[in-house]
Amino acid sequence: MRKSIDTLLRFPCLFPVKIMGSQHEDFPQTIFDVIRRYDPAIADEQFEIRTSKNGSYVSITATITARSGQQLNKLYLALARHPLVRFVL
């Protein structure tokens, strides 16, 4: 039987979301803006940005306060559908 995210996590909880995309000057701010729609209280220090060794890709890890499975699903869909995003983990 497949369990839902609501039975796997206890809400609210801190939940890391990793977003990867090609190097683009607007990528970090765009991702920050999308995430803040789903976690308006997230602090700047809850974002970690890394650039790949060759500088082609950027990854952002955002540790959000997850309040429900529905919130996480909506966030993942919004990020995955964004044209600057390559992967969301």
PDB file of N, CA and C in Angstrom:
ATOM      1  N   MET A   1       0.843  -1.174   0.000  1.00  0.00           N
ATOM      2  CA  MET A   1       0.000   0.000   0.000  1.00  0.00           C
ATOM      3  C   MET A   1       0.890   1.240   0.000  1.00  0.00           C
ATOM      4  N   ARG A   2       0.566   2.190  -0.831  1.00  0.00           N
ATOM      5  CA  ARG A   2       1.320   3.430  -0.940  1.00  0.00           C
ATOM      6  C   ARG A   2       0.843   4.421   0.116  1.00  0.00           C
ATOM      7  N   LYS A   3       1.794   4.960   0.870  1.00  0.00           N
ATOM      8  CA  LYS A   3       1.445   5.932   1.906  1.00  0.00           C
ATOM      9  C   LYS A   3       1.490   7.338   1.344  1.00  0.00           C
ATOM     10  N   SER A   4       0.628   8.192   1.854  1.00  0.00           N
ATOM     11  CA  SER A   4       0.643   9.587   1.417  1.00  0.00           C
ATOM     12  C   SER A   4       1.699  10.346   2.209  1.00  0.00           C
ATOM     13  N   ILE A   5       2.092  11.469   1.669  1.00  0.00           N
ATOM     14  CA  ILE A   5       3.094  12.298   2.337  1.00  0.00           C
ATOM     15  C   ILE A   5       2.600  12.754   3.713  1.00  0.00           C
ATOM     16  N   ASP A   6       1.287  12.908   3.852  1.00  0.00           N
ATOM     17  CA  ASP A   6       0.729  13.340   5.134  1.00  0.00           C
ATOM     18  C   ASP A   6       0.916  12.287   6.230  1.00  0.00           C
ATOM     19  N   THR A   7       1.043  11.024   5.851  1.00  0.00           N
ATOM     20  CA  THR A   7       1.272   9.984   6.858  1.00  0.00           C
ATOM     21  C   THR A   7       2.762   9.737   7.084  1.00  0.00           C
ATOM     22  N   LEU A   8       3.601  10.198   6.178  1.00  0.00           N
ATOM     23  CA  LEU A   8       5.043  10.000   6.310  1.00  0.00           C
ATOM     24  C   LEU A   8       5.729  11.104   7.104  1.00  0.00           C
ATOM     25  N   LEU A   9       5.157  12.288   7.111  1.00  0.00           N
ATOM     26  CA  LEU A   9       5.752  13.435   7.805  1.00  0.00           C
ATOM     27  C   LEU A   9       4.812  13.953   8.881  1.00  0.00           C
ATOM     28  N   ARG A  10       5.392  14.549   9.898  1.00  0.00           N
ATOM     29  CA  ARG A  10       4.591  15.233  10.921  1.00  0.00           C
ATOM     30  C   ARG A  10       4.702  16.730  10.673  1.00  0.00           C
ATOM     31  N   PHE A  11       3.599  17.342  10.410  1.00  0.00           N
ATOM     32  CA  PHE A  11       3.555  18.776  10.088  1.00  0.00           C
ATOM     33  C   PHE A  11       3.203  19.590  11.313  1.00  0.00           C
ATOM     34  N   PRO A  12       3.718  20.804  11.421  1.00  0.00           N
ATOM     35  CA  PRO A  12       4.723  21.425  10.553  1.00  0.00           C
ATOM     36  C   PRO A  12       6.103  20.823  10.802  1.00  0.00           C
ATOM     37  N   CYS A  13       6.958  20.909   9.768  1.00  0.00           N
ATOM     38  CA  CYS A  13       8.327  20.420   9.885  1.00  0.00           C
ATOM     39  C   CYS A  13       9.222  21.185   8.915  1.00  0.00           C
ATOM     40  N   LEU A  14      10.518  21.175   9.193  1.00  0.00           N
ATOM     41  CA  LEU A  14      11.478  21.741   8.254  1.00  0.00           C
ATOM     42  C   LEU A  14      11.721  20.704   7.169  1.00  0.00           C
ATOM     43  N   PHE A  15      11.710  21.157   5.924  1.00  0.00           N
ATOM     44  CA  PHE A  15      11.797  20.232   4.800  1.00  0.00           C
ATOM     45  C   PHE A  15      12.699  20.841   3.724  1.00  0.00           C
ATOM     46  N   PRO A  16      13.828  20.196   3.395  1.00  0.00           N
ATOM     47  CA  PRO A  16      14.716  20.741   2.357  1.00  0.00           C
ATOM     48  C   PRO A  16      14.202  20.414   0.956  1.00  0.00           C
ATOM     49  N   VAL A  17      14.236  21.416   0.103  1.00  0.00           N
ATOM     50  CA  VAL A  17      13.862  21.254  -1.298  1.00  0.00           C
ATOM     51  C   VAL A  17      15.072  21.690  -2.120  1.00  0.00           C
ATOM     52  N   LYS A  18      15.531  20.833  -3.027  1.00  0.00           N
ATOM     53  CA  LYS A  18      16.685  21.161  -3.856  1.00  0.00           C
ATOM     54  C   LYS A  18      16.215  21.417  -5.277  1.00  0.00           C
ATOM     55  N   ILE A  19      16.623  22.566  -5.808  1.00  0.00           N
ATOM     56  CA  ILE A  19      16.213  22.984  -7.142  1.00  0.00           C
ATOM     57  C   ILE A  19      17.461  23.210  -7.973  1.00  0.00           C
ATOM     58  N   MET A  20      17.511  22.655  -9.175  1.00  0.00           N
ATOM     59  CA  MET A  20      18.670  22.826 -10.042  1.00  0.00           C
ATOM     60  C   MET A  20      18.242  23.415 -11.379  1.00  0.00           C
ATOM     61  N   GLY A  21      19.104  24.289 -11.874  1.00  0.00           N
ATOM     62  CA  GLY A  21      18.838  24.907 -13.164  1.00  0.00           C
ATOM     63  C   GLY A  21      20.120  25.361 -13.820  1.00  0.00           C
ATOM     64  N   SER A  22      20.021  25.755 -15.067  1.00  0.00           N
ATOM     65  CA  SER A  22      21.175  26.294 -15.784  1.00  0.00           C
ATOM     66  C   SER A  22      21.545  27.646 -15.209  1.00  0.00           C
ATOM     67  N   GLN A  23      22.820  27.990 -15.350  1.00  0.00           N
ATOM     68  CA  GLN A  23      23.293  29.290 -14.877  1.00  0.00           C
ATOM     69  C   GLN A  23      22.534  30.388 -15.623  1.00  0.00           C
ATOM     70  N   HIS A  24      21.853  31.223 -14.881  1.00  0.00           N
ATOM     71  CA  HIS A  24      21.065  32.322 -15.447  1.00  0.00           C
ATOM     72  C   HIS A  24      20.992  33.404 -14.377  1.00  0.00           C
ATOM     73  N   GLU A  25      21.198  34.629 -14.753  1.00  0.00           N
ATOM     74  CA  GLU A  25      21.254  35.702 -13.755  1.00  0.00           C
ATOM     75  C   GLU A  25      19.977  35.845 -12.937  1.00  0.00           C
ATOM     76  N   ASP A  26      18.835  35.475 -13.493  1.00  0.00           N
ATOM     77  CA  ASP A  26      17.560  35.594 -12.787  1.00  0.00           C
ATOM     78  C   ASP A  26      17.178  34.355 -11.984  1.00  0.00           C
ATOM     79  N   PHE A  27      17.944  33.260 -12.115  1.00  0.00           N
ATOM     80  CA  PHE A  27      17.553  32.003 -11.497  1.00  0.00           C
ATOM     81  C   PHE A  27      17.374  32.096  -9.981  1.00  0.00           C
ATOM     82  N   PRO A  28      18.361  32.579  -9.214  1.00  0.00           N
ATOM     83  CA  PRO A  28      18.168  32.606  -7.759  1.00  0.00           C
ATOM     84  C   PRO A  28      16.947  33.411  -7.315  1.00  0.00           C
ATOM     85  N   GLN A  29      16.802  34.622  -7.800  1.00  0.00           N
ATOM     86  CA  GLN A  29      15.679  35.458  -7.371  1.00  0.00           C
ATOM     87  C   GLN A  29      14.341  34.867  -7.798  1.00  0.00           C
ATOM     88  N   THR A  30      14.305  34.283  -8.972  1.00  0.00           N
ATOM     89  CA  THR A  30      13.076  33.653  -9.457  1.00  0.00           C
ATOM     90  C   THR A  30      12.664  32.506  -8.536  1.00  0.00           C
ATOM     91  N   ILE A  31      13.630  31.685  -8.157  1.00  0.00           N
ATOM     92  CA  ILE A  31      13.342  30.548  -7.267  1.00  0.00           C
ATOM     93  C   ILE A  31      12.922  31.053  -5.894  1.00  0.00           C
ATOM     94  N   PHE A  32      13.612  32.065  -5.377  1.00  0.00           N
ATOM     95  CA  PHE A  32      13.230  32.644  -4.077  1.00  0.00           C
ATOM     96  C   PHE A  32      11.780  33.111  -4.117  1.00  0.00           C
ATOM     97  N   ASP A  33      11.397  33.774  -5.198  1.00  0.00           N
ATOM     98  CA  ASP A  33      10.037  34.299  -5.320  1.00  0.00           C
ATOM     99  C   ASP A  33       8.996  33.176  -5.355  1.00  0.00           C
ATOM    100  N   VAL A  34       9.277  32.108  -6.086  1.00  0.00           N
ATOM    101  CA  VAL A  34       8.344  30.976  -6.151  1.00  0.00           C
ATOM    102  C   VAL A  34       8.197  30.348  -4.769  1.00  0.00           C
ATOM    103  N   ILE A  35       9.303  30.103  -4.108  1.00  0.00           N
ATOM    104  CA  ILE A  35       9.253  29.457  -2.795  1.00  0.00           C
ATOM    105  C   ILE A  35       8.533  30.330  -1.775  1.00  0.00           C
ATOM    106  N   ARG A  36       8.742  31.624  -1.827  1.00  0.00           N
ATOM    107  CA  ARG A  36       8.087  32.523  -0.863  1.00  0.00           C
ATOM    108  C   ARG A  36       6.571  32.571  -1.048  1.00  0.00           C
ATOM    109  N   ARG A  37       6.073  32.185  -2.203  1.00  0.00           N
ATOM    110  CA  ARG A  37       4.617  32.083  -2.377  1.00  0.00           C
ATOM    111  C   ARG A  37       4.039  30.969  -1.513  1.00  0.00           C
ATOM    112  N   TYR A  38       4.852  29.950  -1.235  1.00  0.00           N
ATOM    113  CA  TYR A  38       4.383  28.794  -0.469  1.00  0.00           C
ATOM    114  C   TYR A  38       4.886  28.788   0.977  1.00  0.00           C
ATOM    115  N   ASP A  39       5.916  29.571   1.271  1.00  0.00           N
ATOM    116  CA  ASP A  39       6.441  29.735   2.633  1.00  0.00           C
ATOM    117  C   ASP A  39       6.888  31.183   2.794  1.00  0.00           C
ATOM    118  N   PRO A  40       5.931  32.093   2.999  1.00  0.00           N
ATOM    119  CA  PRO A  40       6.258  33.521   3.061  1.00  0.00           C
ATOM    120  C   PRO A  40       7.228  33.904   4.182  1.00  0.00           C
ATOM    121  N   ALA A  41       7.323  33.100   5.217  1.00  0.00           N
ATOM    122  CA  ALA A  41       8.178  33.444   6.355  1.00  0.00           C
ATOM    123  C   ALA A  41       9.604  32.907   6.223  1.00  0.00           C
ATOM    124  N   ILE A  42       9.939  32.256   5.116  1.00  0.00           N
ATOM    125  CA  ILE A  42      11.280  31.699   4.965  1.00  0.00           C
ATOM    126  C   ILE A  42      12.326  32.816   5.018  1.00  0.00           C
ATOM    127  N   ALA A  43      13.380  32.578   5.784  1.00  0.00           N
ATOM    128  CA  ALA A  43      14.449  33.571   5.949  1.00  0.00           C
ATOM    129  C   ALA A  43      15.531  33.364   4.879  1.00  0.00           C
ATOM    130  N   ASP A  44      16.247  34.427   4.578  1.00  0.00           N
ATOM    131  CA  ASP A  44      17.305  34.350   3.566  1.00  0.00           C
ATOM    132  C   ASP A  44      18.330  33.270   3.894  1.00  0.00           C
ATOM    133  N   GLU A  45      18.630  33.074   5.181  1.00  0.00           N
ATOM    134  CA  GLU A  45      19.640  32.079   5.555  1.00  0.00           C
ATOM    135  C   GLU A  45      19.150  30.635   5.384  1.00  0.00           C
ATOM    136  N   GLN A  46      17.892  30.456   5.021  1.00  0.00           N
ATOM    137  CA  GLN A  46      17.361  29.116   4.756  1.00  0.00           C
ATOM    138  C   GLN A  46      17.540  28.713   3.287  1.00  0.00           C
ATOM    139  N   PHE A  47      18.216  29.576   2.522  1.00  0.00           N
ATOM    140  CA  PHE A  47      18.554  29.287   1.135  1.00  0.00           C
ATOM    141  C   PHE A  47      20.058  29.066   1.040  1.00  0.00           C
ATOM    142  N   GLU A  48      20.448  28.004   0.361  1.00  0.00           N
ATOM    143  CA  GLU A  48      21.870  27.748   0.112  1.00  0.00           C
ATOM    144  C   GLU A  48      22.049  27.630  -1.397  1.00  0.00           C
ATOM    145  N   ILE A  49      22.981  28.405  -1.943  1.00  0.00           N
ATOM    146  CA  ILE A  49      23.215  28.419  -3.389  1.00  0.00           C
ATOM    147  C   ILE A  49      24.599  27.868  -3.678  1.00  0.00           C
ATOM    148  N   ARG A  50      24.660  26.973  -4.658  1.00  0.00           N
ATOM    149  CA  ARG A  50      25.948  26.418  -5.100  1.00  0.00           C
ATOM    150  C   ARG A  50      25.988  26.423  -6.619  1.00  0.00           C
ATOM    151  N   THR A  51      27.168  26.667  -7.131  1.00  0.00           N
ATOM    152  CA  THR A  51      27.392  26.641  -8.573  1.00  0.00           C
ATOM    153  C   THR A  51      28.231  25.411  -8.897  1.00  0.00           C
ATOM    154  N   SER A  52      27.946  24.778 -10.018  1.00  0.00           N
ATOM    155  CA  SER A  52      28.704  23.595 -10.419  1.00  0.00           C
ATOM    156  C   SER A  52      30.160  23.975 -10.696  1.00  0.00           C
ATOM    157  N   LYS A  53      31.025  22.987 -10.707  1.00  0.00           N
ATOM    158  CA  LYS A  53      32.458  23.224 -10.914  1.00  0.00           C
ATOM    159  C   LYS A  53      32.754  23.980 -12.196  1.00  0.00           C
ATOM    160  N   ASN A  54      32.035  23.649 -13.254  1.00  0.00           N
ATOM    161  CA  ASN A  54      32.286  24.329 -14.527  1.00  0.00           C
ATOM    162  C   ASN A  54      31.436  25.590 -14.702  1.00  0.00           C
ATOM    163  N   GLY A  55      30.589  25.896 -13.723  1.00  0.00           N
ATOM    164  CA  GLY A  55      29.798  27.125 -13.756  1.00  0.00           C
ATOM    165  C   GLY A  55      28.557  27.073 -14.624  1.00  0.00           C
ATOM    166  N   SER A  56      28.202  25.898 -15.142  1.00  0.00           N
ATOM    167  CA  SER A  56      27.046  25.781 -16.034  1.00  0.00           C
ATOM    168  C   SER A  56      25.716  25.692 -15.301  1.00  0.00           C
ATOM    169  N   TYR A  57      25.751  25.161 -14.082  1.00  0.00           N
ATOM    170  CA  TYR A  57      24.518  24.909 -13.334  1.00  0.00           C
ATOM    171  C   TYR A  57      24.563  25.550 -11.950  1.00  0.00           C
ATOM    172  N   VAL A  58      23.369  25.808 -11.442  1.00  0.00           N
ATOM    173  CA  VAL A  58      23.209  26.357 -10.094  1.00  0.00           C
ATOM    174  C   VAL A  58      22.235  25.459  -9.357  1.00  0.00           C
ATOM    175  N   SER A  59      22.548  25.166  -8.092  1.00  0.00           N
ATOM    176  CA  SER A  59      21.581  24.441  -7.267  1.00  0.00           C
ATOM    177  C   SER A  59      21.252  25.311  -6.063  1.00  0.00           C
ATOM    178  N   ILE A  60      20.000  25.281  -5.698  1.00  0.00           N
ATOM    179  CA  ILE A  60      19.518  26.013  -4.528  1.00  0.00           C
ATOM    180  C   ILE A  60      18.833  25.007  -3.627  1.00  0.00           C
ATOM    181  N   THR A  61      19.251  24.983  -2.374  1.00  0.00           N
ATOM    182  CA  THR A  61      18.559  24.190  -1.375  1.00  0.00           C
ATOM    183  C   THR A  61      17.829  25.167  -0.478  1.00  0.00           C
ATOM    184  N   ALA A  62      16.525  25.012  -0.415  1.00  0.00           N
ATOM    185  CA  ALA A  62      15.682  25.863   0.425  1.00  0.00           C
ATOM    186  C   ALA A  62      15.063  24.984   1.498  1.00  0.00           C
ATOM    187  N   THR A  63      15.299  25.324   2.741  1.00  0.00           N
ATOM    188  CA  THR A  63      14.702  24.567   3.841  1.00  0.00           C
ATOM    189  C   THR A  63      13.452  25.311   4.273  1.00  0.00           C
ATOM    190  N   ILE A  64      12.316  24.795   3.829  1.00  0.00           N
ATOM    191  CA  ILE A  64      11.044  25.470   4.086  1.00  0.00           C
ATOM    192  C   ILE A  64      10.381  24.899   5.339  1.00  0.00           C
ATOM    193  N   THR A  65       9.418  25.626   5.840  1.00  0.00           N
ATOM    194  CA  THR A  65       8.553  25.094   6.885  1.00  0.00           C
ATOM    195  C   THR A  65       7.344  24.500   6.180  1.00  0.00           C
ATOM    196  N   ALA A  66       7.335  23.183   6.105  1.00  0.00           N
ATOM    197  CA  ALA A  66       6.232  22.476   5.441  1.00  0.00           C
ATOM    198  C   ALA A  66       5.068  22.372   6.416  1.00  0.00           C
ATOM    199  N   ARG A  67       3.904  22.790   5.978  1.00  0.00           N
ATOM    200  CA  ARG A  67       2.717  22.773   6.832  1.00  0.00           C
ATOM    201  C   ARG A  67       1.718  21.682   6.446  1.00  0.00           C
ATOM    202  N   SER A  68       1.866  21.155   5.222  1.00  0.00           N
ATOM    203  CA  SER A  68       0.959  20.088   4.780  1.00  0.00           C
ATOM    204  C   SER A  68       1.527  19.439   3.521  1.00  0.00           C
ATOM    205  N   GLY A  69       1.029  18.254   3.234  1.00  0.00           N
ATOM    206  CA  GLY A  69       1.393  17.587   2.001  1.00  0.00           C
ATOM    207  C   GLY A  69       0.918  18.358   0.791  1.00  0.00           C
ATOM    208  N   GLN A  70      -0.234  18.970   0.909  1.00  0.00           N
ATOM    209  CA  GLN A  70      -0.783  19.765  -0.195  1.00  0.00           C
ATOM    210  C   GLN A  70       0.142  20.943  -0.525  1.00  0.00           C
ATOM    211  N   GLN A  71       0.653  21.614   0.500  1.00  0.00           N
ATOM    212  CA  GLN A  71       1.590  22.724   0.290  1.00  0.00           C
ATOM    213  C   GLN A  71       2.823  22.224  -0.468  1.00  0.00           C
ATOM    214  N   LEU A  72       3.397  21.096  -0.033  1.00  0.00           N
ATOM    215  CA  LEU A  72       4.580  20.548  -0.696  1.00  0.00           C
ATOM    216  C   LEU A  72       4.281  20.165  -2.140  1.00  0.00           C
ATOM    217  N   ASN A  73       3.152  19.524  -2.382  1.00  0.00           N
ATOM    218  CA  ASN A  73       2.791  19.149  -3.752  1.00  0.00           C
ATOM    219  C   ASN A  73       2.661  20.364  -4.650  1.00  0.00           C
ATOM    220  N   LYS A  74       2.011  21.401  -4.169  1.00  0.00           N
ATOM    221  CA  LYS A  74       1.848  22.626  -4.969  1.00  0.00           C
ATOM    222  C   LYS A  74       3.191  23.290  -5.249  1.00  0.00           C
ATOM    223  N   LEU A  75       4.067  23.325  -4.236  1.00  0.00           N
ATOM    224  CA  LEU A  75       5.393  23.913  -4.418  1.00  0.00           C
ATOM    225  C   LEU A  75       6.185  23.129  -5.458  1.00  0.00           C
ATOM    226  N   TYR A  76       6.205  21.804  -5.329  1.00  0.00           N
ATOM    227  CA  TYR A  76       6.947  20.978  -6.292  1.00  0.00           C
ATOM    228  C   TYR A  76       6.420  21.163  -7.711  1.00  0.00           C
ATOM    229  N   LEU A  77       5.118  21.234  -7.874  1.00  0.00           N
ATOM    230  CA  LEU A  77       4.550  21.451  -9.210  1.00  0.00           C
ATOM    231  C   LEU A  77       4.938  22.811  -9.772  1.00  0.00           C
ATOM    232  N   ALA A  78       4.855  23.845  -8.946  1.00  0.00           N
ATOM    233  CA  ALA A  78       5.211  25.194  -9.400  1.00  0.00           C
ATOM    234  C   ALA A  78       6.676  25.253  -9.826  1.00  0.00           C
ATOM    235  N   LEU A  79       7.545  24.632  -9.053  1.00  0.00           N
ATOM    236  CA  LEU A  79       8.967  24.636  -9.394  1.00  0.00           C
ATOM    237  C   LEU A  79       9.245  23.789 -10.632  1.00  0.00           C
ATOM    238  N   ALA A  80       8.685  22.604 -10.693  1.00  0.00           N
ATOM    239  CA  ALA A  80       8.939  21.698 -11.817  1.00  0.00           C
ATOM    240  C   ALA A  80       8.443  22.268 -13.143  1.00  0.00           C
ATOM    241  N   ARG A  81       7.406  23.066 -13.094  1.00  0.00           N
ATOM    242  CA  ARG A  81       6.833  23.640 -14.323  1.00  0.00           C
ATOM    243  C   ARG A  81       7.547  24.923 -14.768  1.00  0.00           C
ATOM    244  N   HIS A  82       8.402  25.470 -13.915  1.00  0.00           N
ATOM    245  CA  HIS A  82       9.074  26.731 -14.258  1.00  0.00           C
ATOM    246  C   HIS A  82      10.127  26.482 -15.345  1.00  0.00           C
ATOM    247  N   PRO A  83      10.180  27.325 -16.378  1.00  0.00           N
ATOM    248  CA  PRO A  83      11.100  27.085 -17.491  1.00  0.00           C
ATOM    249  C   PRO A  83      12.594  27.159 -17.121  1.00  0.00           C
ATOM    250  N   LEU A  84      12.971  27.827 -16.034  1.00  0.00           N
ATOM    251  CA  LEU A  84      14.380  27.903 -15.644  1.00  0.00           C
ATOM    252  C   LEU A  84      14.836  26.694 -14.835  1.00  0.00           C
ATOM    253  N   VAL A  85      13.899  25.879 -14.395  1.00  0.00           N
ATOM    254  CA  VAL A  85      14.213  24.745 -13.513  1.00  0.00           C
ATOM    255  C   VAL A  85      14.439  23.484 -14.335  1.00  0.00           C
ATOM    256  N   ARG A  86      15.549  22.778 -14.026  1.00  0.00           N
ATOM    257  CA  ARG A  86      15.843  21.500 -14.673  1.00  0.00           C
ATOM    258  C   ARG A  86      15.350  20.324 -13.848  1.00  0.00           C
ATOM    259  N   PHE A  87      15.616  20.376 -12.513  1.00  0.00           N
ATOM    260  CA  PHE A  87      15.246  19.278 -11.602  1.00  0.00           C
ATOM    261  C   PHE A  87      14.814  19.833 -10.262  1.00  0.00           C
ATOM    262  N   VAL A  88      13.913  19.119  -9.611  1.00  0.00           N
ATOM    263  CA  VAL A  88      13.506  19.441  -8.241  1.00  0.00           C
ATOM    264  C   VAL A  88      13.575  18.134  -7.457  1.00  0.00           C
ATOM    265  N   LEU A  89      14.276  18.174  -6.360  1.00  0.00           N
ATOM    266  CA  LEU A  89      14.401  16.978  -5.502  1.00  0.00           C
ATOM    267  C   LEU A  89      13.854  17.280  -4.128  1.00  0.00           C
TER     268      LEU A  89
END
